C-alpha cells in the first residue's frame, strides 16, 4: 500500500502508517503478528497529551484552553493519532522518521517527530515535541495493543511488572492525587516506576516481549478480551493539569521506549 512504510530486520517486520497518525500498524516476528489489527489499533502515538485530560481543559499560565471532548466528558490521547505525518528523513530498510506540525485544535505551534528503528530482536521508538513559539505543557507516549492470544493454540499473555505505586482512580476515571499500593488487575490504571518502565509480556511457550523506557510512567489496560495495552508515557493521565512538563523553544520534550522480544521454545 502506498501509505505504508515497511521495515525489516532478521525475521521481524514492522509496518508504519504515517497517514494514520504514524501508528505502527503491524509488528510481526517470525510471521506471528503481535499487535491487534484494525485502523484504531496496532500501536498509536499519544501526543501532545496522554490518556484523558479532564473536561478537555488545561491551563498554561493564566490562559485556559478547551480541547475537543472525544471521550466525554474528557479529551483523550492527543491529536497526533488523527494527523497525517510527513517524512522527516529518508527511510532505510530498518529505520524511519516522520513529523507533524501541531495545529488547531492544539493552541500552540510546534513540531512532533517520531523515529522508529527496527533490529532483529527489538524496536526502539523515540518522540520529540518542539515548541515553535510560546512554551506550553505537553505529554508524549505510545499506546500499543498487544494481542492477548497469538492465535496459534497457545495460552493468553501474562503480564509481569513491579511498580512503586498505582495512581488511585476517582469516579471521573482520572487519578485523584493519591498513590496506593498496586492492586491486582484487571487494570485501566497508571503505575509509577521511578527507575524506568519495565514490563514483561509472556505468551507461555511462544514469545516474551519486554517494554522498557527511561520514563517512570506507564498505563496498563487489560479490560478487553482481544488485547492488552502497556503504554509508556511522559506523565500520568491528566498530566497537562496535574504534572505539567513545559516544552520551550530551547528544551523539547523527549521520550523513548524499547520493545524487545524473544521466541520461547
C-alpha atoms as a PDB file:
ATOM      1  CA  UNK A   1       0.000   0.000   0.000  1.00  0.00           C
ATOM      2  CA  UNK A   2       1.300   3.443  -0.969  1.00  0.00           C
ATOM      3  CA  UNK A   3       0.866   4.920   2.516  1.00  0.00           C
ATOM      4  CA  UNK A   4       2.746   2.125   4.247  1.00  0.00           C
ATOM      5  CA  UNK A   5       6.387   2.173   5.266  1.00  0.00           C
ATOM      6  CA  UNK A   6       7.772  -1.299   5.908  1.00  0.00           C
ATOM      7  CA  UNK A   7      10.902  -2.033   7.942  1.00  0.00           C
ATOM      8  CA  UNK A   8      12.548  -5.457   8.201  1.00  0.00           C
ATOM      9  CA  UNK A   9      15.369  -6.800  10.351  1.00  0.00           C
ATOM     10  CA  UNK A  10      16.053 -10.518  10.707  1.00  0.00           C
ATOM     11  CA  UNK A  11      12.662 -12.202  10.891  1.00  0.00           C
ATOM     12  CA  UNK A  12      10.976  -9.052  12.273  1.00  0.00           C
ATOM     13  CA  UNK A  13       8.748  -6.899  10.084  1.00  0.00           C
ATOM     14  CA  UNK A  14       7.184  -3.593  11.115  1.00  0.00           C
ATOM     15  CA  UNK A  15       4.620  -1.540   9.168  1.00  0.00           C
ATOM     16  CA  UNK A  16       4.128   2.194   9.769  1.00  0.00           C
ATOM     17  CA  UNK A  17       1.126   4.214   8.596  1.00  0.00           C
ATOM     18  CA  UNK A  18       2.130   7.903   8.504  1.00  0.00           C
ATOM     19  CA  UNK A  19      -1.287   8.697   7.016  1.00  0.00           C
ATOM     20  CA  UNK A  20      -2.932   7.274  10.149  1.00  0.00           C
ATOM     21  CA  UNK A  21      -1.139   9.152  12.900  1.00  0.00           C
ATOM     22  CA  UNK A  22       2.195   7.425  12.265  1.00  0.00           C
ATOM     23  CA  UNK A  23       0.892   4.380  14.096  1.00  0.00           C
ATOM     24  CA  UNK A  24       2.627   1.026  13.952  1.00  0.00           C
ATOM     25  CA  UNK A  25       0.016  -0.947  12.057  1.00  0.00           C
ATOM     26  CA  UNK A  26       1.794  -4.289  12.317  1.00  0.00           C
ATOM     27  CA  UNK A  27       4.700  -5.908  14.135  1.00  0.00           C
ATOM     28  CA  UNK A  28       5.447  -9.463  13.073  1.00  0.00           C
ATOM     29  CA  UNK A  29       8.153 -11.732  14.449  1.00  0.00           C
ATOM     30  CA  UNK A  30       8.754 -14.946  12.537  1.00  0.00           C
ATOM     31  CA  UNK A  31       5.460 -14.338  10.745  1.00  0.00           C
ATOM     32  CA  UNK A  32       3.488 -14.034  14.002  1.00  0.00           C
ATOM     33  CA  UNK A  33       1.534 -10.789  14.408  1.00  0.00           C
ATOM     34  CA  UNK A  34       1.990  -9.322  17.895  1.00  0.00           C
ATOM     35  CA  UNK A  35      -0.378  -6.338  17.651  1.00  0.00           C
ATOM     36  CA  UNK A  36      -4.158  -6.279  17.424  1.00  0.00           C
ATOM     37  CA  UNK A  37      -5.185  -5.417  13.874  1.00  0.00           C
ATOM     38  CA  UNK A  38      -7.588  -2.670  12.779  1.00  0.00           C
ATOM     39  CA  UNK A  39      -7.484   1.029  11.961  1.00  0.00           C
ATOM     40  CA  UNK A  40      -7.751   2.082  15.631  1.00  0.00           C
ATOM     41  CA  UNK A  41      -5.278  -0.477  16.911  1.00  0.00           C
ATOM     42  CA  UNK A  42      -1.700  -1.568  16.267  1.00  0.00           C
ATOM     43  CA  UNK A  43       0.367   0.880  18.330  1.00  0.00           C
ATOM     44  CA  UNK A  44      -0.522   4.550  18.078  1.00  0.00           C
ATOM     45  CA  UNK A  45       1.273   7.671  19.232  1.00  0.00           C
ATOM     46  CA  UNK A  46      -0.176   9.749  22.073  1.00  0.00           C
ATOM     47  CA  UNK A  47       0.835  13.409  21.716  1.00  0.00           C
ATOM     48  CA  UNK A  48       0.670  16.261  22.803  1.00  0.00           C
ATOM     49  CA  UNK A  49      -1.119  14.626  25.725  1.00  0.00           C
ATOM     50  CA  UNK A  50      -1.607  11.081  27.001  1.00  0.00           C
ATOM     51  CA  UNK A  51      -4.787   9.499  28.277  1.00  0.00           C
ATOM     52  CA  UNK A  52      -7.632  11.711  29.428  1.00  0.00           C
ATOM     53  CA  UNK A  53      -7.418  15.459  30.022  1.00  0.00           C
ATOM     54  CA  UNK A  54     -10.121  16.453  32.497  1.00  0.00           C
ATOM     55  CA  UNK A  55     -13.140  18.000  30.776  1.00  0.00           C
ATOM     56  CA  UNK A  56     -10.854  18.726  27.817  1.00  0.00           C
ATOM     57  CA  UNK A  57      -9.389  21.764  29.594  1.00  0.00           C
ATOM     58  CA  UNK A  58      -5.871  22.727  30.592  1.00  0.00           C
ATOM     59  CA  UNK A  59      -4.128  25.895  31.685  1.00  0.00           C
ATOM     60  CA  UNK A  60      -0.899  27.457  30.534  1.00  0.00           C
ATOM     61  CA  UNK A  61      -0.078  30.302  32.876  1.00  0.00           C
ATOM     62  CA  UNK A  62      -3.226  32.374  33.209  1.00  0.00           C
ATOM     63  CA  UNK A  63      -4.824  31.101  30.000  1.00  0.00           C
ATOM     64  CA  UNK A  64      -7.333  28.228  29.950  1.00  0.00           C
ATOM     65  CA  UNK A  65      -7.683  26.212  26.739  1.00  0.00           C
ATOM     66  CA  UNK A  66     -10.553  23.954  25.646  1.00  0.00           C
ATOM     67  CA  UNK A  67      -9.794  20.787  23.660  1.00  0.00           C
ATOM     68  CA  UNK A  68     -12.369  18.712  21.752  1.00  0.00           C
ATOM     69  CA  UNK A  69     -14.198  16.339  24.113  1.00  0.00           C
ATOM     70  CA  UNK A  70     -13.827  12.999  22.309  1.00  0.00           C
ATOM     71  CA  UNK A  71     -14.133  10.704  25.356  1.00  0.00           C
ATOM     72  CA  UNK A  72     -16.947  12.538  27.190  1.00  0.00           C
ATOM     73  CA  UNK A  73     -16.515  14.387  29.419  1.00  0.00           C
ATOM     74  CA  UNK A  74     -12.772  14.310  28.672  1.00  0.00           C
ATOM     75  CA  UNK A  75     -10.335  14.762  25.780  1.00  0.00           C
ATOM     76  CA  UNK A  76      -8.241  11.652  25.132  1.00  0.00           C
ATOM     77  CA  UNK A  77      -4.860  10.624  23.672  1.00  0.00           C
ATOM     78  CA  UNK A  78      -3.893  13.799  21.810  1.00  0.00           C
ATOM     79  CA  UNK A  79      -4.115  14.981  18.202  1.00  0.00           C
ATOM     80  CA  UNK A  80      -1.162  13.092  16.711  1.00  0.00           C
ATOM     81  CA  UNK A  81      -3.164   9.919  16.109  1.00  0.00           C
ATOM     82  CA  UNK A  82      -5.598  11.862  13.904  1.00  0.00           C
ATOM     83  CA  UNK A  83      -2.897  13.621  11.869  1.00  0.00           C
ATOM     84  CA  UNK A  84      -1.080  12.861   8.624  1.00  0.00           C
ATOM     85  CA  UNK A  85       2.672  12.751   9.227  1.00  0.00           C
ATOM     86  CA  UNK A  86       5.407  13.704   6.762  1.00  0.00           C
ATOM     87  CA  UNK A  87       8.834  12.096   6.223  1.00  0.00           C
ATOM     88  CA  UNK A  88      11.475  13.719   8.448  1.00  0.00           C
ATOM     89  CA  UNK A  89      14.322  11.902   6.700  1.00  0.00           C
ATOM     90  CA  UNK A  90      14.660   9.222   4.031  1.00  0.00           C
ATOM     91  CA  UNK A  91      13.649   5.795   5.327  1.00  0.00           C
ATOM     92  CA  UNK A  92      16.178   2.985   5.316  1.00  0.00           C
ATOM     93  CA  UNK A  93      15.296  -0.685   5.399  1.00  0.00           C
ATOM     94  CA  UNK A  94      15.414  -0.663   9.204  1.00  0.00           C
ATOM     95  CA  UNK A  95      14.593   2.910  10.270  1.00  0.00           C
ATOM     96  CA  UNK A  96      12.156   5.721   9.518  1.00  0.00           C
ATOM     97  CA  UNK A  97      11.303   9.144  10.934  1.00  0.00           C
ATOM     98  CA  UNK A  98       8.163  11.211  10.432  1.00  0.00           C
ATOM     99  CA  UNK A  99       6.877  14.524  11.776  1.00  0.00           C
ATOM    100  CA  UNK A 100       3.704  16.567  12.012  1.00  0.00           C
ATOM    101  CA  UNK A 101       3.236  20.186  12.956  1.00  0.00           C
ATOM    102  CA  UNK A 102       0.948  20.948  15.872  1.00  0.00           C
ATOM    103  CA  UNK A 103      -2.128  22.863  14.733  1.00  0.00           C
ATOM    104  CA  UNK A 104      -5.740  23.556  15.673  1.00  0.00           C
ATOM    105  CA  UNK A 105      -7.298  22.283  17.943  1.00  0.00           C
ATOM    106  CA  UNK A 106      -3.962  22.386  19.791  1.00  0.00           C
ATOM    107  CA  UNK A 107      -3.410  26.051  20.614  1.00  0.00           C
ATOM    108  CA  UNK A 108       0.396  26.279  20.291  1.00  0.00           C
ATOM    109  CA  UNK A 109       2.725  25.873  17.304  1.00  0.00           C
ATOM    110  CA  UNK A 110       5.246  23.078  17.499  1.00  0.00           C
ATOM    111  CA  UNK A 111       6.604  20.022  15.773  1.00  0.00           C
ATOM    112  CA  UNK A 112       6.466  16.359  16.809  1.00  0.00           C
ATOM    113  CA  UNK A 113       8.942  13.837  15.394  1.00  0.00           C
ATOM    114  CA  UNK A 114       8.562  10.047  15.668  1.00  0.00           C
ATOM    115  CA  UNK A 115      11.641   7.919  14.984  1.00  0.00           C
ATOM    116  CA  UNK A 116      11.435   4.129  14.616  1.00  0.00           C
ATOM    117  CA  UNK A 117      14.491   1.856  14.483  1.00  0.00           C
ATOM    118  CA  UNK A 118      13.989  -1.868  13.974  1.00  0.00           C
ATOM    119  CA  UNK A 119      16.574  -4.520  14.894  1.00  0.00           C
ATOM    120  CA  UNK A 120      16.233  -8.316  14.662  1.00  0.00           C
ATOM    121  CA  UNK A 121      15.134  -8.619  18.302  1.00  0.00           C
ATOM    122  CA  UNK A 122      13.857  -5.149  19.228  1.00  0.00           C
ATOM    123  CA  UNK A 123      12.389  -1.865  18.086  1.00  0.00           C
ATOM    124  CA  UNK A 124      13.456   1.493  19.517  1.00  0.00           C
ATOM    125  CA  UNK A 125      10.947   4.339  19.381  1.00  0.00           C
ATOM    126  CA  UNK A 126      11.608   7.998  20.090  1.00  0.00           C
ATOM    127  CA  UNK A 127       9.288  11.003  20.242  1.00  0.00           C
ATOM    128  CA  UNK A 128      10.301  14.645  20.453  1.00  0.00           C
ATOM    129  CA  UNK A 129       7.983  17.626  20.905  1.00  0.00           C
ATOM    130  CA  UNK A 130       9.434  21.022  19.975  1.00  0.00           C
ATOM    131  CA  UNK A 131       7.912  24.440  20.669  1.00  0.00           C
ATOM    132  CA  UNK A 132       7.908  26.814  17.702  1.00  0.00           C
ATOM    133  CA  UNK A 133       6.851  29.885  19.668  1.00  0.00           C
ATOM    134  CA  UNK A 134       5.329  30.162  23.128  1.00  0.00           C
ATOM    135  CA  UNK A 135       6.120  27.497  25.704  1.00  0.00           C
ATOM    136  CA  UNK A 136       3.369  25.006  26.505  1.00  0.00           C
ATOM    137  CA  UNK A 137       2.744  21.900  28.651  1.00  0.00           C
ATOM    138  CA  UNK A 138       2.787  18.599  26.771  1.00  0.00           C
ATOM    139  CA  UNK A 139       2.996  14.835  27.086  1.00  0.00           C
ATOM    140  CA  UNK A 140       4.006  12.043  24.742  1.00  0.00           C
ATOM    141  CA  UNK A 141       3.854   8.259  24.715  1.00  0.00           C
ATOM    142  CA  UNK A 142       2.712   5.123  22.907  1.00  0.00           C
ATOM    143  CA  UNK A 143      -0.434   3.026  23.082  1.00  0.00           C
ATOM    144  CA  UNK A 144       0.345  -0.494  21.770  1.00  0.00           C
ATOM    145  CA  UNK A 145      -2.454  -3.045  21.617  1.00  0.00           C
ATOM    146  CA  UNK A 146      -0.675  -6.358  22.242  1.00  0.00           C
ATOM    147  CA  UNK A 147      -2.725  -9.395  21.226  1.00  0.00           C
ATOM    148  CA  UNK A 148      -3.997 -11.230  24.270  1.00  0.00           C
ATOM    149  CA  UNK A 149      -3.629 -14.500  22.397  1.00  0.00           C
ATOM    150  CA  UNK A 150      -1.310 -15.043  19.442  1.00  0.00           C
ATOM    151  CA  UNK A 151      -3.884 -17.271  17.753  1.00  0.00           C
ATOM    152  CA  UNK A 152      -1.706 -20.335  17.484  1.00  0.00           C
ATOM    153  CA  UNK A 153      -3.375 -22.504  20.088  1.00  0.00           C
ATOM    154  CA  UNK A 154      -1.259 -21.212  22.967  1.00  0.00           C
ATOM    155  CA  UNK A 155      -2.162 -19.540  26.243  1.00  0.00           C
ATOM    156  CA  UNK A 156      -3.146 -15.925  26.798  1.00  0.00           C
ATOM    157  CA  UNK A 157      -0.459 -13.380  27.621  1.00  0.00           C
ATOM    158  CA  UNK A 158       0.702 -12.934  31.211  1.00  0.00           C
ATOM    159  CA  UNK A 159       1.973  -9.566  32.454  1.00  0.00           C
ATOM    160  CA  UNK A 160       4.821  -9.182  34.943  1.00  0.00           C
ATOM    161  CA  UNK A 161       5.957  -5.880  36.446  1.00  0.00           C
ATOM    162  CA  UNK A 162       6.858  -4.299  39.753  1.00  0.00           C
ATOM    163  CA  UNK A 163       5.568  -0.772  40.351  1.00  0.00           C
ATOM    164  CA  UNK A 164       6.371   1.525  43.250  1.00  0.00           C
ATOM    165  CA  UNK A 165       2.788   2.774  43.279  1.00  0.00           C
ATOM    166  CA  UNK A 166      -0.516   2.884  41.475  1.00  0.00           C
ATOM    167  CA  UNK A 167      -2.348   6.145  40.845  1.00  0.00           C
ATOM    168  CA  UNK A 168      -5.715   5.838  42.578  1.00  0.00           C
ATOM    169  CA  UNK A 169      -8.575   6.483  40.152  1.00  0.00           C
ATOM    170  CA  UNK A 170     -11.537   8.676  41.022  1.00  0.00           C
ATOM    171  CA  UNK A 171     -15.093   8.311  39.774  1.00  0.00           C
ATOM    172  CA  UNK A 172     -14.176  10.516  36.798  1.00  0.00           C
ATOM    173  CA  UNK A 173     -11.685   7.847  35.680  1.00  0.00           C
ATOM    174  CA  UNK A 174      -8.728  10.156  36.398  1.00  0.00           C
ATOM    175  CA  UNK A 175      -6.004   9.903  39.051  1.00  0.00           C
ATOM    176  CA  UNK A 176      -7.271  11.600  42.194  1.00  0.00           C
ATOM    177  CA  UNK A 177      -3.841  12.518  43.549  1.00  0.00           C
ATOM    178  CA  UNK A 178      -3.471   9.552  45.902  1.00  0.00           C
ATOM    179  CA  UNK A 179      -0.768   6.944  45.411  1.00  0.00           C
ATOM    180  CA  UNK A 180      -1.709   3.452  46.552  1.00  0.00           C
ATOM    181  CA  UNK A 181      -0.081   0.042  46.617  1.00  0.00           C
ATOM    182  CA  UNK A 182      -0.545  -1.692  43.244  1.00  0.00           C
ATOM    183  CA  UNK A 183      -3.727  -3.746  43.091  1.00  0.00           C
ATOM    184  CA  UNK A 184      -4.371  -6.898  41.048  1.00  0.00           C
ATOM    185  CA  UNK A 185      -5.989  -6.473  37.628  1.00  0.00           C
ATOM    186  CA  UNK A 186      -7.965  -6.071  35.508  1.00  0.00           C
ATOM    187  CA  UNK A 187      -6.484  -2.622  35.034  1.00  0.00           C
ATOM    188  CA  UNK A 188      -7.069   0.651  33.302  1.00  0.00           C
ATOM    189  CA  UNK A 189      -4.560   2.292  35.569  1.00  0.00           C
ATOM    190  CA  UNK A 190      -1.386   4.326  35.750  1.00  0.00           C
ATOM    191  CA  UNK A 191       1.644   2.988  37.609  1.00  0.00           C
ATOM    192  CA  UNK A 192       4.805   4.696  38.805  1.00  0.00           C
ATOM    193  CA  UNK A 193       8.229   3.149  38.161  1.00  0.00           C
ATOM    194  CA  UNK A 194      10.867   5.641  39.374  1.00  0.00           C
ATOM    195  CA  UNK A 195      13.732   3.596  37.913  1.00  0.00           C
ATOM    196  CA  UNK A 196      12.078   3.426  34.498  1.00  0.00           C
ATOM    197  CA  UNK A 197       9.262   1.452  32.915  1.00  0.00           C
ATOM    198  CA  UNK A 198       9.914  -2.296  32.734  1.00  0.00           C
ATOM    199  CA  UNK A 199       7.004  -4.600  31.880  1.00  0.00           C
ATOM    200  CA  UNK A 200       7.236  -8.169  30.570  1.00  0.00           C
ATOM    201  CA  UNK A 201       4.544  -9.772  28.427  1.00  0.00           C
ATOM    202  CA  UNK A 202       4.840 -13.538  28.290  1.00  0.00           C
ATOM    203  CA  UNK A 203       2.851 -15.818  25.999  1.00  0.00           C
ATOM    204  CA  UNK A 204       3.814 -19.128  27.634  1.00  0.00           C
ATOM    205  CA  UNK A 205       5.823 -21.364  25.331  1.00  0.00           C
ATOM    206  CA  UNK A 206       5.607 -18.881  22.446  1.00  0.00           C
ATOM    207  CA  UNK A 207       7.024 -15.397  22.969  1.00  0.00           C
ATOM    208  CA  UNK A 208       8.250 -12.917  25.556  1.00  0.00           C
ATOM    209  CA  UNK A 209       8.161  -9.161  24.936  1.00  0.00           C
ATOM    210  CA  UNK A 210       9.757  -6.621  27.259  1.00  0.00           C
ATOM    211  CA  UNK A 211       8.622  -2.970  27.216  1.00  0.00           C
ATOM    212  CA  UNK A 212      11.145  -0.595  28.769  1.00  0.00           C
ATOM    213  CA  UNK A 213      11.533   3.191  28.915  1.00  0.00           C
ATOM    214  CA  UNK A 214      13.560   5.697  30.941  1.00  0.00           C
ATOM    215  CA  UNK A 215      10.227   7.356  31.742  1.00  0.00           C
ATOM    216  CA  UNK A 216       8.681   6.495  35.094  1.00  0.00           C
ATOM    217  CA  UNK A 217       5.034   6.358  33.984  1.00  0.00           C
ATOM    218  CA  UNK A 218       3.107   3.510  32.391  1.00  0.00           C
ATOM    219  CA  UNK A 219      -0.591   2.880  31.886  1.00  0.00           C
ATOM    220  CA  UNK A 220      -1.680  -0.771  31.801  1.00  0.00           C
ATOM    221  CA  UNK A 221      -5.048  -1.626  30.255  1.00  0.00           C
ATOM    222  CA  UNK A 222      -6.394  -5.196  30.406  1.00  0.00           C
ATOM    223  CA  UNK A 223     -10.173  -4.721  30.285  1.00  0.00           C
ATOM    224  CA  UNK A 224     -10.686  -6.008  26.711  1.00  0.00           C
ATOM    225  CA  UNK A 225     -10.764  -9.686  25.701  1.00  0.00           C
ATOM    226  CA  UNK A 226      -8.806  -9.129  22.458  1.00  0.00           C
ATOM    227  CA  UNK A 227      -5.735  -7.256  23.643  1.00  0.00           C
ATOM    228  CA  UNK A 228      -3.749  -5.743  26.498  1.00  0.00           C
ATOM    229  CA  UNK A 229      -2.055  -2.334  26.449  1.00  0.00           C
ATOM    230  CA  UNK A 230       1.242  -1.350  28.075  1.00  0.00           C
ATOM    231  CA  UNK A 231       1.671   2.376  27.484  1.00  0.00           C
ATOM    232  CA  UNK A 232       4.950   4.119  28.375  1.00  0.00           C
ATOM    233  CA  UNK A 233       4.299   7.843  28.658  1.00  0.00           C
ATOM    234  CA  UNK A 234       5.950  11.011  29.918  1.00  0.00           C
ATOM    235  CA  UNK A 235       3.387  11.711  32.629  1.00  0.00           C
ATOM    236  CA  UNK A 236       0.169  10.437  34.206  1.00  0.00           C
ATOM    237  CA  UNK A 237      -3.320  10.841  32.733  1.00  0.00           C
ATOM    238  CA  UNK A 238      -4.500  14.452  33.113  1.00  0.00           C
ATOM    239  CA  UNK A 239      -0.851  15.394  33.470  1.00  0.00           C
ATOM    240  CA  UNK A 240      -1.349  18.629  31.493  1.00  0.00           C
ATOM    241  CA  UNK A 241      -3.106  19.812  34.658  1.00  0.00           C
ATOM    242  CA  UNK A 242      -1.547  17.841  37.500  1.00  0.00           C
ATOM    243  CA  UNK A 243       2.105  17.458  36.443  1.00  0.00           C
ATOM    244  CA  UNK A 244       2.739  19.857  33.552  1.00  0.00           C
ATOM    245  CA  UNK A 245       6.012  19.394  31.669  1.00  0.00           C
ATOM    246  CA  UNK A 246       6.757  22.672  29.917  1.00  0.00           C
ATOM    247  CA  UNK A 247       8.102  22.478  26.371  1.00  0.00           C
ATOM    248  CA  UNK A 248      10.140  25.558  25.467  1.00  0.00           C
ATOM    249  CA  UNK A 249      11.903  26.626  22.267  1.00  0.00           C
ATOM    250  CA  UNK A 250      15.221  25.536  23.808  1.00  0.00           C
ATOM    251  CA  UNK A 251      14.018  22.461  25.721  1.00  0.00           C
ATOM    252  CA  UNK A 252      11.951  19.942  23.770  1.00  0.00           C
ATOM    253  CA  UNK A 253      10.111  17.044  25.378  1.00  0.00           C
ATOM    254  CA  UNK A 254      11.874  13.755  24.595  1.00  0.00           C
ATOM    255  CA  UNK A 255      10.747  10.223  25.382  1.00  0.00           C
ATOM    256  CA  UNK A 256      11.912   6.825  24.172  1.00  0.00           C
ATOM    257  CA  UNK A 257      10.954   3.193  24.593  1.00  0.00           C
ATOM    258  CA  UNK A 258      12.445  -0.151  23.565  1.00  0.00           C
ATOM    259  CA  UNK A 259      10.307  -3.200  22.843  1.00  0.00           C
ATOM    260  CA  UNK A 260      12.448  -6.321  22.764  1.00  0.00           C
ATOM    261  CA  UNK A 261      11.345  -9.892  22.118  1.00  0.00           C
ATOM    262  CA  UNK A 262      12.490 -13.448  22.383  1.00  0.00           C
ATOM    263  CA  UNK A 263      10.817 -16.534  20.961  1.00  0.00           C
ATOM    264  CA  UNK A 264      10.316 -19.280  23.521  1.00  0.00           C
ATOM    265  CA  UNK A 265      10.826 -22.935  22.760  1.00  0.00           C
END
